[in-house]
Amino acid sequence: MLPPFDYFEHRRACQRKQIERSTRIANLPSYYHSPITSSDRDILSKHIEVLVQDVHKKLLKPVNILRTYGKVAVKAHEKTNCLTEVMLPEAETWAEKEINLEGPLAGIPVSLKDSIVVKGFDVSVGYSCNTGKPYAEDGSLVKILKAAGAIPYVKTNLPTTLLSFESSNDVWGRCLNPHNPHYSPGGSTGGESALLAYGGGRIGIGSDVAGSVRAPAHFSGIYSLRCSTGRWPKMGMNTSMPGQEGIPSVFSPMARTREDLVYFSRSLIGMKPWKWDHTVHPIEWRIDEEQKVKEQKRFKIGVMRTDGVVDPSPACARALERTISALRSQGHEIVEVNPPSPYTALQIASQLLIADGGKTFLSFFRTGETNDPGARQMSLYMKIPRPFKYFYYLWVKYVKRDTIWAGLLNDWHSKSAYEQWKWVAKREAYKASWHEWWNGEALDFMLTPVNATPAVPHGGMKEAVSSCGYTFLFNLLDYSCGVMPITHVDRVLDRLPASFRFKDLNGVAKGAYQHYDAEKMHGLPVAIQVVGQRLQEERVLAIMEKVEQALEETGGKYDLLEIE
C-alpha cells in the first residue's frame, strides 16, 4: 500500500498485535495469574544446572518449571511491558512433546529477543509491516534449543531499528526499567534485560551490533556475554539491516546470574551448533581454557578508564574502581593501558554500520511510524545535502573547536562500494594494531566501563546516540566481552563534582551527560565490562568468576532485584 494510505494499515496492525498480546495473556490458564507459591520459590531459587539435574532425575517436570517462570514473566510484563509474543500455551505442548528430556538444557525456559524465528509466530522486529506473517517452522537457533531440551516461552521487546540503547516501538510500546520506570532497560535487547532482571526468566538470547546485549545488562543489572562472530548461531533471525556486514551483529546469551550464563553457554556450544548453522565455527567448548584460568593465581589486567571521547560518570568510575580494588587486594597486577585510539574505532565503526545512509532500516517504516529518537537523529543528518553538512562540519571544528564531534560528522553520508571498501581496509588495519598492542602488553584481560553513564531516561538516546564507544569498540575488534553488575547508583557518592563543567565537554559527551543526575538515578544498576581477545568466550566467563570471587571476598557482590 502506498503512502500516505499505509498509515492506516500501520495503526491497524499495531492495534491488532497489542490486542492479540493482551488477549493471550488474559486467556492464560489461571495458574499463570496466581500468587507465587513456596514450590515456585523453590524453583526460582535454583540455578539452571540444578533444575536440569532435577528434570533428568524426574524430580521435576519441565512444565512445572515453565509455569513458574511463565507466572513471573507475566508479572514482569505488567510492570515493564517487556514481552512481545506470549507463547506459553504452545510452550506447554513443546514441553510435553518436542523437547529432549535427556538434553543439557532439559526443561529450562529460554526467552528470546523478538527478532528470533519461532514457528507459528511473527518476527516483527517492532515494524508493523512484519506483522501478520507467522513463520512456518523454527529457525536454526530454536531448533538447537529444543534439541538441547530448552523451552522457548516468550519473545521480548526491542527498538524498531535495533540501533538504540532504548527499547520502544509502535507495535509493542515502550519497555521500562524494572528498577525505575522512568528509565530505559537498555537496547536493543531491552525486553530481555527487563524480564531477566525482574526474575521472569533465568536465560535469554539477544543480539549485539554496538553493545545491544551489554548495555541492557548494565542498565538493568544482569549478566551477558558478547560472543565473537562465528561462535554462536546467527541464522533463523530477522533484522532491520539485512546484509549489513561492516560491523556484523552477533547473537549472544544473557542471564540473571553468572553461573547460569556459564552453564548455558557451555551447553549450547556443546550441541555442536555448526551442524545446524553454517555461520558457526566448528569449535568445541574448550574446558582446558576454563581450567587454565581457574588454576592461574595472578593475572595481568589492563584497565581502560576512558575511551577518550566520554569520560565515565562518577557512578561508572566507582564501579570500575571497586572492581580494581578487589582484584588488586588479591595480588593481581593492575596496569593502566593506552591502547590504539578508541575514538578512531568509533569513527570507523559508525561509518561502516550506516554505510547505506540508513536506507535499509528506513525502508521498513510505514507512513507515521515512530522512529527511535537516536536513529532518527542519525538518519536526519544523513539526508542533509552534503554542501550544507560540510559547512556545519567546518563550524563545529573551527568555530566551536570540537574536533571529536566534527570527526564523527565528517564523511557522514551513504557510501559507494568503493568508499565502503576503504573503510573496511581501515577496520582491518585498526584490528591489526590492537592485536599487536595487546600481545605486546601481554595482558590476560581488560576491564572497562560498559557505558559512560547508567541507564538513560526514555527518549534520552536523542542526545546520547553517539555515546556507545565502550561497547562499539569491541564489536569492531570482534573481541569476546562479558558484562557483570557491580553496584547501584548512589545519590551522594555519585553526584557530579563541583569542578564539573558541562560547557567544556565535546558534543558526544554533552549528549551523554545531559541526562546524568545521581539523585534521579539513585538505585539504578552499574556494571563493568570484562574483555578478552577474539573467540575467548571460555576464558572471559572463567575470568568473570574470578572477578566475582574477588568482589565477594572484599565486601560482597551485586544484589539482584528480588522477585516479588
Protein backbone atom coordinates (compact mmCIF):
# COMPACT_ATOMS: atom_id res chain seq x y z
CA MET A 1 0.00 0.00 0.00
CA LEU A 2 1.35 3.42 -0.96
CA PRO A 3 1.92 6.31 1.46
CA PRO A 4 0.06 8.01 2.98
CA PHE A 5 -2.62 5.31 2.97
CA ASP A 6 -0.34 2.76 4.65
CA TYR A 7 -0.57 4.93 7.79
CA PHE A 8 -3.99 3.44 8.46
CA GLU A 9 -2.70 -0.09 7.92
CA HIS A 10 0.14 0.71 10.33
CA ARG A 11 -2.30 1.78 13.03
CA ARG A 12 -4.50 -1.27 12.44
CA ALA A 13 -1.51 -3.63 12.61
CA CYS A 14 -0.28 -2.12 15.90
CA GLN A 15 -3.73 -2.30 17.44
CA ARG A 16 -4.18 -5.88 16.23
CA LYS A 17 -0.90 -7.07 17.75
CA GLN A 18 -1.49 -5.32 21.07
CA ILE A 19 -4.99 -6.77 21.35
CA GLU A 20 -3.61 -10.18 20.40
CA ARG A 21 -0.97 -9.97 23.14
CA SER A 22 -3.35 -8.75 25.85
CA THR A 23 -5.92 -11.38 24.88
CA ARG A 24 -3.35 -14.17 25.02
CA ILE A 25 -2.23 -13.04 28.47
CA ALA A 26 -5.81 -12.66 29.74
CA ASN A 27 -6.75 -16.13 28.45
CA LEU A 28 -3.81 -17.93 30.01
CA PRO A 29 -4.74 -20.67 32.48
CA SER A 30 -5.40 -19.37 35.99
CA TYR A 31 -2.10 -20.61 37.43
CA TYR A 32 -0.22 -18.02 35.33
CA HIS A 33 -2.14 -15.30 37.17
CA SER A 34 -1.93 -16.79 40.67
CA PRO A 35 0.40 -15.71 43.51
CA ILE A 36 3.90 -17.14 43.76
CA THR A 37 3.85 -20.26 45.96
CA SER A 38 6.54 -21.89 48.11
CA SER A 39 7.10 -24.53 45.42
CA ASP A 40 7.52 -21.72 42.88
CA ARG A 41 10.12 -20.07 45.10
CA ASP A 42 11.98 -23.35 45.38
CA ILE A 43 12.21 -23.49 41.57
CA LEU A 44 13.11 -19.80 41.30
CA SER A 45 15.99 -20.24 43.75
CA LYS A 46 17.79 -22.90 41.71
CA HIS A 47 20.40 -22.37 39.04
CA ILE A 48 19.57 -23.93 35.69
CA GLU A 49 22.18 -26.68 36.11
CA VAL A 50 20.37 -27.88 39.24
CA LEU A 51 16.97 -27.64 37.52
CA VAL A 52 18.29 -29.75 34.63
CA GLN A 53 19.53 -32.37 37.09
CA ASP A 54 16.10 -32.42 38.74
CA VAL A 55 14.46 -33.00 35.35
CA HIS A 56 16.92 -35.76 34.48
CA LYS A 57 16.20 -37.45 37.83
CA LYS A 58 12.45 -36.96 37.24
CA LEU A 59 12.16 -34.91 40.42
CA LEU A 60 10.68 -32.03 38.40
CA LYS A 61 8.57 -31.90 35.28
CA PRO A 62 9.56 -29.32 32.65
CA VAL A 63 6.02 -27.97 32.60
CA ASN A 64 6.29 -27.07 36.31
CA ILE A 65 9.42 -25.01 35.68
CA LEU A 66 7.74 -23.41 32.68
CA ARG A 67 4.63 -22.47 34.64
CA THR A 68 6.67 -20.93 37.45
CA TYR A 69 8.73 -18.73 35.16
CA GLY A 70 5.72 -18.02 32.96
CA LYS A 71 3.90 -16.73 36.03
CA VAL A 72 6.73 -14.36 36.91
CA ALA A 73 7.13 -13.33 33.26
CA VAL A 74 3.50 -12.18 33.24
CA LYS A 75 4.16 -10.12 36.37
CA ALA A 76 7.32 -8.69 34.82
CA HIS A 77 5.36 -7.67 31.74
CA GLU A 78 2.71 -5.93 33.82
CA LYS A 79 5.43 -3.79 35.36
CA THR A 80 7.77 -3.24 32.39
CA ASN A 81 5.97 -4.07 29.10
CA CYS A 82 8.85 -6.43 28.27
CA LEU A 83 7.02 -9.12 26.26
CA THR A 84 6.01 -9.22 22.61
CA GLU A 85 4.87 -12.72 21.60
CA VAL A 86 3.47 -14.73 24.53
CA MET A 87 4.00 -18.39 23.60
CA LEU A 88 3.13 -20.10 26.91
CA PRO A 89 0.26 -22.35 25.70
CA GLU A 90 2.40 -23.56 22.78
CA ALA A 91 5.40 -23.91 25.10
CA GLU A 92 3.44 -26.31 27.30
CA THR A 93 2.86 -28.50 24.24
CA TRP A 94 6.53 -28.28 23.27
CA ALA A 95 7.50 -29.22 26.85
CA GLU A 96 5.38 -32.36 26.61
CA LYS A 97 6.07 -33.41 23.01
CA GLU A 98 9.08 -31.74 21.38
CA ILE A 99 11.93 -31.09 23.77
CA ASN A 100 14.71 -33.55 24.52
CA LEU A 101 14.36 -34.56 28.18
CA GLU A 102 17.89 -36.02 28.11
CA GLY A 103 19.45 -32.80 26.82
CA PRO A 104 21.82 -30.47 28.72
CA LEU A 105 19.06 -27.82 28.98
CA ALA A 106 16.17 -30.17 29.71
CA GLY A 107 13.17 -28.23 30.98
CA ILE A 108 14.78 -24.79 31.00
CA PRO A 109 12.58 -21.93 29.75
CA VAL A 110 14.56 -19.63 27.43
CA SER A 111 13.28 -16.18 26.42
CA LEU A 112 14.12 -14.81 23.00
CA LYS A 113 14.59 -11.38 21.51
CA ASP A 114 11.67 -10.62 19.20
CA SER A 115 13.94 -10.94 16.14
CA ILE A 116 14.37 -14.73 16.57
CA VAL A 117 12.19 -17.04 14.45
CA VAL A 118 9.74 -19.38 16.23
CA LYS A 119 7.21 -21.39 14.24
CA GLY A 120 3.68 -20.05 14.33
CA PHE A 121 4.68 -16.53 15.37
CA ASP A 122 5.57 -13.23 13.71
CA VAL A 123 9.07 -11.79 13.79
CA SER A 124 8.07 -8.15 13.72
CA VAL A 125 11.32 -6.58 14.98
CA GLY A 126 8.97 -3.78 16.05
CA TYR A 127 7.93 -2.89 12.48
CA SER A 128 4.22 -3.10 11.70
CA CYS A 129 4.94 -4.25 8.12
CA ASN A 130 6.32 -7.52 9.54
CA THR A 131 3.16 -8.42 11.48
CA GLY A 132 0.59 -10.95 10.38
CA LYS A 133 3.29 -13.11 8.79
CA PRO A 134 3.89 -16.08 11.13
CA TYR A 135 6.78 -18.36 10.24
CA ALA A 136 6.08 -21.94 9.18
CA GLU A 137 8.99 -23.50 11.05
CA ASP A 138 11.52 -22.80 13.75
CA GLY A 139 14.75 -21.01 12.97
CA SER A 140 18.01 -22.89 13.49
CA LEU A 141 18.65 -21.41 16.94
CA VAL A 142 15.25 -22.55 18.21
CA LYS A 143 15.80 -26.00 16.71
CA ILE A 144 19.07 -26.25 18.64
CA LEU A 145 17.40 -25.10 21.86
CA LYS A 146 14.65 -27.71 21.61
CA ALA A 147 17.17 -30.43 20.78
CA ALA A 148 19.04 -29.42 23.95
CA GLY A 149 15.80 -29.66 25.96
CA ALA A 150 15.13 -25.93 26.35
CA ILE A 151 11.65 -24.43 26.03
CA PRO A 152 11.14 -21.10 24.22
CA TYR A 153 8.24 -19.42 26.05
CA VAL A 154 8.20 -15.65 25.39
CA LYS A 155 9.71 -13.15 22.99
CA THR A 156 10.83 -9.74 24.16
CA ASN A 157 10.72 -6.07 23.28
CA LEU A 158 13.25 -4.04 21.28
CA PRO A 159 13.55 -0.81 19.26
CA THR A 160 12.40 -0.79 15.63
CA THR A 161 15.81 -0.05 14.17
CA LEU A 162 17.82 -2.26 16.56
CA LEU A 163 20.17 0.75 16.75
CA SER A 164 19.40 2.08 20.21
CA PHE A 165 20.05 1.64 23.91
CA GLU A 166 16.28 2.04 24.37
CA SER A 167 13.50 -0.44 23.51
CA SER A 168 10.38 1.20 22.15
CA ASN A 169 8.26 0.81 19.01
CA ASP A 170 4.71 1.45 17.84
CA VAL A 171 3.80 -2.24 17.60
CA TRP A 172 4.56 -3.21 21.20
CA GLY A 173 5.08 0.07 23.06
CA ARG A 174 7.84 1.18 25.37
CA CYS A 175 9.76 -1.19 27.65
CA LEU A 176 10.54 0.11 31.16
CA ASN A 177 13.44 -0.49 33.52
CA PRO A 178 12.30 -2.69 36.43
CA HIS A 179 14.41 -0.62 38.84
CA ASN A 180 12.91 2.72 37.79
CA PRO A 181 10.07 3.08 35.23
CA HIS A 182 11.35 6.49 34.10
CA TYR A 183 14.48 4.89 32.62
CA SER A 184 15.26 2.54 29.76
CA PRO A 185 16.19 -1.10 30.43
CA GLY A 186 18.63 -0.77 27.54
CA GLY A 187 18.56 -1.79 23.92
CA SER A 188 18.34 -3.18 21.54
CA THR A 189 17.78 -6.27 23.71
CA GLY A 190 15.97 -4.29 26.41
CA GLY A 191 12.96 -6.55 26.82
CA GLU A 192 15.28 -9.41 27.70
CA SER A 193 17.17 -7.43 30.31
CA ALA A 194 13.94 -6.18 31.91
CA LEU A 195 12.48 -9.70 32.04
CA LEU A 196 15.63 -11.30 33.46
CA ALA A 197 16.30 -8.53 35.97
CA TYR A 198 12.74 -8.80 37.27
CA GLY A 199 13.12 -12.59 37.61
CA GLY A 200 10.73 -13.71 34.85
CA GLY A 201 13.46 -15.91 33.43
CA ARG A 202 16.99 -17.08 34.06
CA ILE A 203 18.24 -17.28 30.47
CA GLY A 204 17.63 -15.19 27.35
CA ILE A 205 19.15 -14.65 23.93
CA GLY A 206 19.76 -11.27 22.31
CA SER A 207 21.88 -9.73 19.58
CA ASP A 208 24.69 -7.20 19.69
CA VAL A 209 25.99 -4.89 16.94
CA ALA A 210 27.15 -1.93 19.05
CA GLY A 211 26.50 -3.10 22.62
CA SER A 212 22.96 -4.45 22.42
CA VAL A 213 23.34 -7.27 24.96
CA ARG A 214 25.91 -5.40 27.06
CA ALA A 215 24.23 -2.01 27.55
CA PRO A 216 20.95 -3.71 28.62
CA ALA A 217 22.85 -5.85 31.14
CA HIS A 218 24.49 -2.68 32.51
CA PHE A 219 21.23 -0.69 32.56
CA SER A 220 19.16 -3.46 34.17
CA GLY A 221 21.54 -5.36 36.45
CA ILE A 222 22.09 -8.76 34.81
CA TYR A 223 24.94 -10.67 33.15
CA SER A 224 25.70 -11.02 29.45
CA LEU A 225 28.34 -12.35 27.09
CA ARG A 226 29.15 -10.77 23.73
CA CYS A 227 30.40 -13.70 21.64
CA SER A 228 32.79 -13.30 18.75
CA THR A 229 31.32 -13.84 15.29
CA GLY A 230 31.08 -17.49 14.38
CA ARG A 231 30.83 -18.78 17.94
CA TRP A 232 27.04 -18.50 18.24
CA PRO A 233 24.24 -19.32 15.75
CA LYS A 234 23.15 -16.46 13.51
CA MET A 235 20.59 -17.89 11.08
CA GLY A 236 16.84 -18.04 11.64
CA MET A 237 16.54 -14.38 12.59
CA ASN A 238 15.02 -11.20 11.21
CA THR A 239 16.73 -7.82 11.37
CA SER A 240 16.41 -4.16 10.50
CA MET A 241 19.53 -4.22 8.30
CA PRO A 242 19.80 -7.47 6.35
CA GLY A 243 23.13 -7.66 4.53
CA GLN A 244 24.95 -5.26 6.85
CA GLU A 245 28.31 -6.93 7.50
CA GLY A 246 30.62 -3.96 8.02
CA ILE A 247 30.11 -4.48 11.75
CA PRO A 248 28.46 -7.91 11.99
CA SER A 249 25.68 -8.45 14.51
CA VAL A 250 26.18 -11.42 16.82
CA PHE A 251 23.55 -13.31 18.80
CA SER A 252 24.66 -13.93 22.36
CA PRO A 253 23.37 -15.10 25.75
CA MET A 254 22.08 -13.06 28.69
CA ALA A 255 21.38 -14.39 32.19
CA ARG A 256 20.19 -13.46 35.64
CA THR A 257 23.33 -14.96 37.23
CA ARG A 258 26.89 -15.64 36.16
CA GLU A 259 26.54 -19.36 36.93
CA ASP A 260 23.60 -19.64 34.55
CA LEU A 261 25.45 -17.70 31.86
CA VAL A 262 28.36 -20.14 32.03
CA TYR A 263 26.26 -23.31 32.07
CA PHE A 264 24.02 -22.15 29.24
CA SER A 265 26.92 -21.05 27.01
CA ARG A 266 28.76 -24.30 27.59
CA SER A 267 25.63 -26.35 26.95
CA LEU A 268 24.59 -24.64 23.73
CA ILE A 269 28.05 -24.79 22.17
CA GLY A 270 28.20 -28.41 23.36
CA MET A 271 25.28 -29.08 21.00
CA LYS A 272 27.66 -28.53 18.05
CA PRO A 273 25.62 -25.66 16.57
CA TRP A 274 27.73 -25.71 13.38
CA LYS A 275 25.69 -28.79 12.38
CA TRP A 276 22.57 -26.58 12.24
CA ASP A 277 24.06 -23.26 11.15
CA HIS A 278 26.74 -22.74 8.50
CA THR A 279 27.88 -19.46 10.12
CA VAL A 280 29.16 -21.19 13.28
CA HIS A 281 32.81 -22.19 13.57
CA PRO A 282 33.28 -25.88 14.44
CA ILE A 283 34.98 -25.08 17.75
CA GLU A 284 34.12 -27.33 20.70
CA TRP A 285 33.73 -25.86 24.18
CA ARG A 286 37.31 -25.75 25.47
CA ILE A 287 37.24 -26.94 29.07
CA ASP A 288 41.03 -26.72 29.19
CA GLU A 289 40.86 -22.93 28.61
CA GLU A 290 38.42 -22.58 31.51
CA GLN A 291 40.66 -24.70 33.71
CA LYS A 292 43.81 -22.72 32.91
CA VAL A 293 42.14 -19.53 34.09
CA LYS A 294 40.82 -21.18 37.24
CA GLU A 295 44.28 -22.50 38.10
CA GLN A 296 46.09 -19.24 37.35
CA LYS A 297 46.90 -17.39 40.58
CA ARG A 298 47.91 -13.98 39.27
CA PHE A 299 46.63 -12.01 36.28
CA LYS A 300 47.92 -9.02 34.39
CA ILE A 301 44.85 -6.84 33.99
CA GLY A 302 44.69 -3.84 31.71
CA VAL A 303 42.37 -1.04 32.81
CA MET A 304 40.94 1.32 30.19
CA ARG A 305 39.34 4.02 32.33
CA THR A 306 38.14 6.16 29.43
CA ASP A 307 37.57 5.82 25.71
CA GLY A 308 38.92 9.34 25.19
CA VAL A 309 35.52 10.53 23.97
CA VAL A 310 33.26 10.47 27.02
CA ASP A 311 34.85 10.02 30.43
CA PRO A 312 32.83 7.70 32.67
CA SER A 313 30.35 9.29 35.07
CA PRO A 314 31.10 9.09 38.81
CA ALA A 315 28.82 6.04 39.17
CA CYS A 316 30.52 4.10 36.38
CA ALA A 317 34.01 5.15 37.50
CA ARG A 318 33.19 3.99 41.04
CA ALA A 319 32.03 0.55 39.83
CA LEU A 320 35.26 0.15 37.89
CA GLU A 321 37.38 1.28 40.86
CA ARG A 322 35.52 -1.10 43.18
CA THR A 323 36.43 -3.98 40.87
CA ILE A 324 40.05 -2.88 40.52
CA SER A 325 40.42 -2.57 44.28
CA ALA A 326 39.03 -6.08 44.84
CA LEU A 327 41.42 -7.60 42.28
CA ARG A 328 44.43 -5.61 43.47
CA SER A 329 43.85 -6.78 47.04
CA GLN A 330 44.28 -10.34 45.83
CA GLY A 331 47.67 -9.64 44.34
CA HIS A 332 46.79 -9.22 40.67
CA GLU A 333 48.85 -6.84 38.55
CA ILE A 334 46.78 -3.83 37.50
CA VAL A 335 48.14 -1.73 34.63
CA GLU A 336 46.67 1.47 33.23
CA VAL A 337 46.63 0.99 29.46
CA ASN A 338 46.73 3.31 26.50
CA PRO A 339 45.54 1.19 23.56
CA PRO A 340 45.21 2.27 19.92
CA SER A 341 42.71 5.15 19.83
CA PRO A 342 39.16 4.03 20.78
CA TYR A 343 37.98 7.24 19.15
CA THR A 344 39.32 6.01 15.82
CA ALA A 345 37.32 2.82 16.34
CA LEU A 346 34.15 4.86 16.92
CA GLN A 347 34.78 6.76 13.67
CA ILE A 348 35.35 3.60 11.64
CA ALA A 349 32.54 1.58 13.20
CA SER A 350 29.92 4.30 12.84
CA GLN A 351 30.77 4.83 9.16
CA LEU A 352 30.58 1.10 8.42
CA LEU A 353 27.38 0.43 10.34
CA ILE A 354 25.39 3.08 8.46
CA ALA A 355 27.28 2.83 5.17
CA ASP A 356 23.99 2.71 3.27
CA GLY A 357 22.91 6.03 4.74
CA GLY A 358 20.24 4.29 6.82
CA LYS A 359 18.25 3.40 3.70
CA THR A 360 17.75 -0.23 4.72
CA PHE A 361 16.34 0.25 8.22
CA LEU A 362 14.23 3.18 6.99
CA SER A 363 12.76 1.09 4.16
CA PHE A 364 10.66 -0.91 6.62
CA PHE A 365 8.86 2.11 8.06
CA ARG A 366 5.30 2.89 7.12
CA THR A 367 3.92 6.42 7.00
CA GLY A 368 3.65 7.84 10.51
CA GLU A 369 5.58 5.01 12.16
CA THR A 370 7.69 6.26 15.06
CA ASN A 371 11.45 6.07 14.69
CA ASP A 372 13.83 5.66 17.61
CA PRO A 373 15.00 9.13 18.70
CA GLY A 374 18.67 8.29 18.28
CA ALA A 375 18.27 6.55 14.92
CA ARG A 376 16.14 9.48 13.78
CA GLN A 377 19.00 11.88 14.54
CA MET A 378 21.42 9.77 12.51
CA SER A 379 19.09 9.46 9.52
CA LEU A 380 18.14 13.15 9.53
CA TYR A 381 21.77 14.21 9.36
CA MET A 382 22.33 11.72 6.54
CA LYS A 383 19.63 13.48 4.49
CA ILE A 384 21.13 16.96 4.71
CA PRO A 385 22.72 17.94 1.36
CA ARG A 386 26.46 17.39 1.50
CA PRO A 387 27.49 21.04 0.91
CA PHE A 388 25.43 22.11 3.94
CA LYS A 389 26.85 19.28 6.02
CA TYR A 390 30.36 20.34 5.09
CA PHE A 391 29.73 23.90 6.29
CA TYR A 392 28.29 22.52 9.53
CA TYR A 393 31.38 20.33 9.94
CA LEU A 394 33.63 23.38 9.49
CA TRP A 395 31.58 25.35 12.01
CA VAL A 396 31.82 22.56 14.61
CA LYS A 397 35.53 22.04 14.08
CA TYR A 398 36.82 25.59 13.72
CA VAL A 399 34.23 27.78 15.43
CA LYS A 400 33.12 25.50 18.25
CA ARG A 401 36.59 23.88 18.29
CA ASP A 402 35.06 20.46 18.89
CA THR A 403 37.35 18.13 16.94
CA ILE A 404 35.77 15.00 18.48
CA TRP A 405 32.26 15.75 17.28
CA ALA A 406 33.50 17.16 13.98
CA GLY A 407 35.47 13.98 13.28
CA LEU A 408 32.32 11.91 13.60
CA LEU A 409 30.27 14.25 11.40
CA ASN A 410 32.85 14.22 8.63
CA ASP A 411 32.05 11.60 5.96
CA TRP A 412 28.56 11.07 7.47
CA HIS A 413 26.86 10.12 4.22
CA SER A 414 25.95 6.95 2.35
CA LYS A 415 28.93 5.17 0.85
CA SER A 416 29.60 3.76 -2.60
CA ALA A 417 31.15 0.29 -2.71
CA TYR A 418 34.45 1.99 -3.49
CA GLU A 419 34.16 4.17 -0.37
CA GLN A 420 33.00 1.34 1.87
CA TRP A 421 35.88 -0.90 0.89
CA LYS A 422 38.25 1.84 2.01
CA TRP A 423 36.57 1.88 5.41
CA VAL A 424 36.78 -1.93 5.61
CA ALA A 425 40.51 -1.64 4.93
CA LYS A 426 40.77 0.89 7.79
CA ARG A 427 38.89 -1.54 10.03
CA GLU A 428 41.30 -4.38 9.32
CA ALA A 429 44.36 -2.17 9.84
CA TYR A 430 42.92 -0.98 13.13
CA LYS A 431 42.24 -4.55 14.28
CA ALA A 432 45.82 -5.48 13.42
CA SER A 433 47.13 -2.59 15.52
CA TRP A 434 45.14 -3.79 18.54
CA HIS A 435 46.31 -7.37 18.07
CA GLU A 436 49.93 -6.24 18.07
CA TRP A 437 49.38 -3.88 21.02
CA TRP A 438 47.61 -6.49 23.20
CA ASN A 439 50.26 -9.14 22.59
CA GLY A 440 52.98 -6.61 23.31
CA GLU A 441 51.35 -5.73 26.62
CA ALA A 442 50.90 -9.46 27.43
CA LEU A 443 47.52 -8.82 29.05
CA ASP A 444 45.36 -11.60 30.44
CA PHE A 445 42.25 -9.45 30.10
CA MET A 446 40.95 -5.89 30.28
CA LEU A 447 38.43 -4.04 32.41
CA THR A 448 36.45 -1.08 31.07
CA PRO A 449 33.21 0.75 31.81
CA VAL A 450 30.24 -0.57 29.83
CA ASN A 451 28.91 2.91 29.13
CA ALA A 452 29.75 6.41 30.24
CA THR A 453 26.54 6.63 32.28
CA PRO A 454 23.96 4.29 33.83
CA ALA A 455 20.56 3.88 32.12
CA VAL A 456 19.25 6.75 30.03
CA PRO A 457 15.77 8.18 30.64
CA HIS A 458 13.15 7.46 27.98
CA GLY A 459 13.90 9.46 24.87
CA GLY A 460 17.45 10.10 26.06
CA MET A 461 19.05 8.44 23.06
CA LYS A 462 18.20 11.50 21.01
CA GLU A 463 21.17 13.18 22.68
CA ALA A 464 23.20 10.12 23.74
CA VAL A 465 23.08 8.24 20.42
CA SER A 466 26.83 8.59 19.76
CA SER A 467 27.90 7.68 23.28
CA CYS A 468 28.48 3.98 22.72
CA GLY A 469 32.25 3.83 22.36
CA TYR A 470 32.97 1.47 25.25
CA THR A 471 30.96 -1.32 23.64
CA PHE A 472 31.13 -0.43 19.92
CA LEU A 473 34.93 -0.63 20.07
CA PHE A 474 34.82 -4.36 20.75
CA ASN A 475 32.26 -5.05 18.04
CA LEU A 476 34.74 -3.55 15.60
CA LEU A 477 37.53 -5.70 17.06
CA ASP A 478 35.22 -8.74 17.37
CA TYR A 479 36.50 -9.43 20.88
CA SER A 480 34.71 -11.60 23.44
CA CYS A 481 33.27 -9.47 26.26
CA GLY A 482 31.33 -10.16 29.43
CA VAL A 483 29.26 -7.72 31.46
CA MET A 484 28.60 -8.14 35.16
CA PRO A 485 26.72 -5.85 37.57
CA ILE A 486 28.79 -4.36 40.38
CA THR A 487 26.79 -1.79 42.34
CA HIS A 488 23.91 0.72 42.24
CA VAL A 489 23.93 4.46 41.70
CA ASP A 490 24.22 6.35 45.00
CA ARG A 491 22.74 9.85 45.10
CA VAL A 492 25.57 11.10 47.35
CA LEU A 493 28.62 9.16 46.21
CA ASP A 494 27.90 9.57 42.52
CA ARG A 495 26.95 13.21 42.19
CA LEU A 496 28.97 15.30 39.77
CA PRO A 497 31.88 17.16 41.40
CA ALA A 498 31.76 20.93 41.78
CA SER A 499 34.59 21.18 39.25
CA PHE A 500 32.46 19.56 36.51
CA ARG A 501 31.92 21.97 33.58
CA PHE A 502 29.29 20.86 31.07
CA LYS A 503 30.21 23.59 28.61
CA ASP A 504 33.75 22.22 28.27
CA LEU A 505 32.56 18.81 27.01
CA ASN A 506 32.70 17.72 23.39
CA GLY A 507 29.43 17.13 21.52
CA VAL A 508 29.30 13.39 22.22
CA ALA A 509 29.97 13.85 25.93
CA LYS A 510 27.35 16.60 26.19
CA GLY A 511 24.77 14.19 24.79
CA ALA A 512 25.71 11.57 27.36
CA TYR A 513 25.90 13.89 30.37
CA GLN A 514 22.75 15.84 29.57
CA HIS A 515 20.75 13.18 31.39
CA TYR A 516 23.18 12.26 34.19
CA ASP A 517 21.60 13.01 37.55
CA ALA A 518 22.66 10.86 40.52
CA GLU A 519 19.62 11.94 42.52
CA LYS A 520 17.16 10.76 39.87
CA MET A 521 19.26 7.71 39.01
CA HIS A 522 19.61 6.55 42.62
CA GLY A 523 19.30 2.75 42.76
CA LEU A 524 19.93 2.05 39.08
CA PRO A 525 22.44 -0.75 38.39
CA VAL A 526 26.02 -0.13 37.32
CA ALA A 527 28.20 -2.78 35.67
CA ILE A 528 31.71 -3.30 34.31
CA GLN A 529 32.95 -4.94 31.12
CA VAL A 530 35.45 -7.82 31.10
CA VAL A 531 37.28 -8.03 27.76
CA GLY A 532 39.21 -10.90 26.21
CA GLN A 533 40.52 -11.31 22.71
CA ARG A 534 38.63 -12.84 19.81
CA LEU A 535 36.98 -16.25 20.35
CA GLN A 536 37.92 -16.34 24.04
CA GLU A 537 34.43 -16.94 25.44
CA GLU A 538 35.60 -19.69 27.80
CA ARG A 539 38.36 -17.51 29.23
CA VAL A 540 36.12 -14.46 29.63
CA LEU A 541 33.49 -16.43 31.56
CA ALA A 542 36.14 -18.03 33.77
CA ILE A 543 37.69 -14.61 34.43
CA MET A 544 34.25 -13.25 35.37
CA GLU A 545 34.12 -15.96 38.04
CA LYS A 546 37.50 -14.81 39.39
CA VAL A 547 36.28 -11.21 39.46
CA GLU A 548 33.09 -12.18 41.26
CA GLN A 549 35.06 -14.17 43.83
CA ALA A 550 37.30 -11.17 44.47
CA LEU A 551 34.25 -8.95 44.97
CA GLU A 552 32.65 -11.44 47.36
CA GLU A 553 35.82 -11.64 49.43
CA THR A 554 36.15 -7.86 49.67
CA GLY A 555 32.68 -6.68 50.58
CA GLY A 556 30.15 -8.65 48.58
CA LYS A 557 28.91 -8.99 45.02
CA TYR A 558 25.93 -7.30 43.40
CA ASP A 559 22.48 -7.90 44.91
CA LEU A 560 19.94 -8.95 42.28
CA LEU A 561 16.48 -7.42 42.21
CA GLU A 562 14.29 -9.58 44.43
CA ILE A 563 11.46 -11.47 42.76
CA GLU A 564 8.17 -10.09 44.05
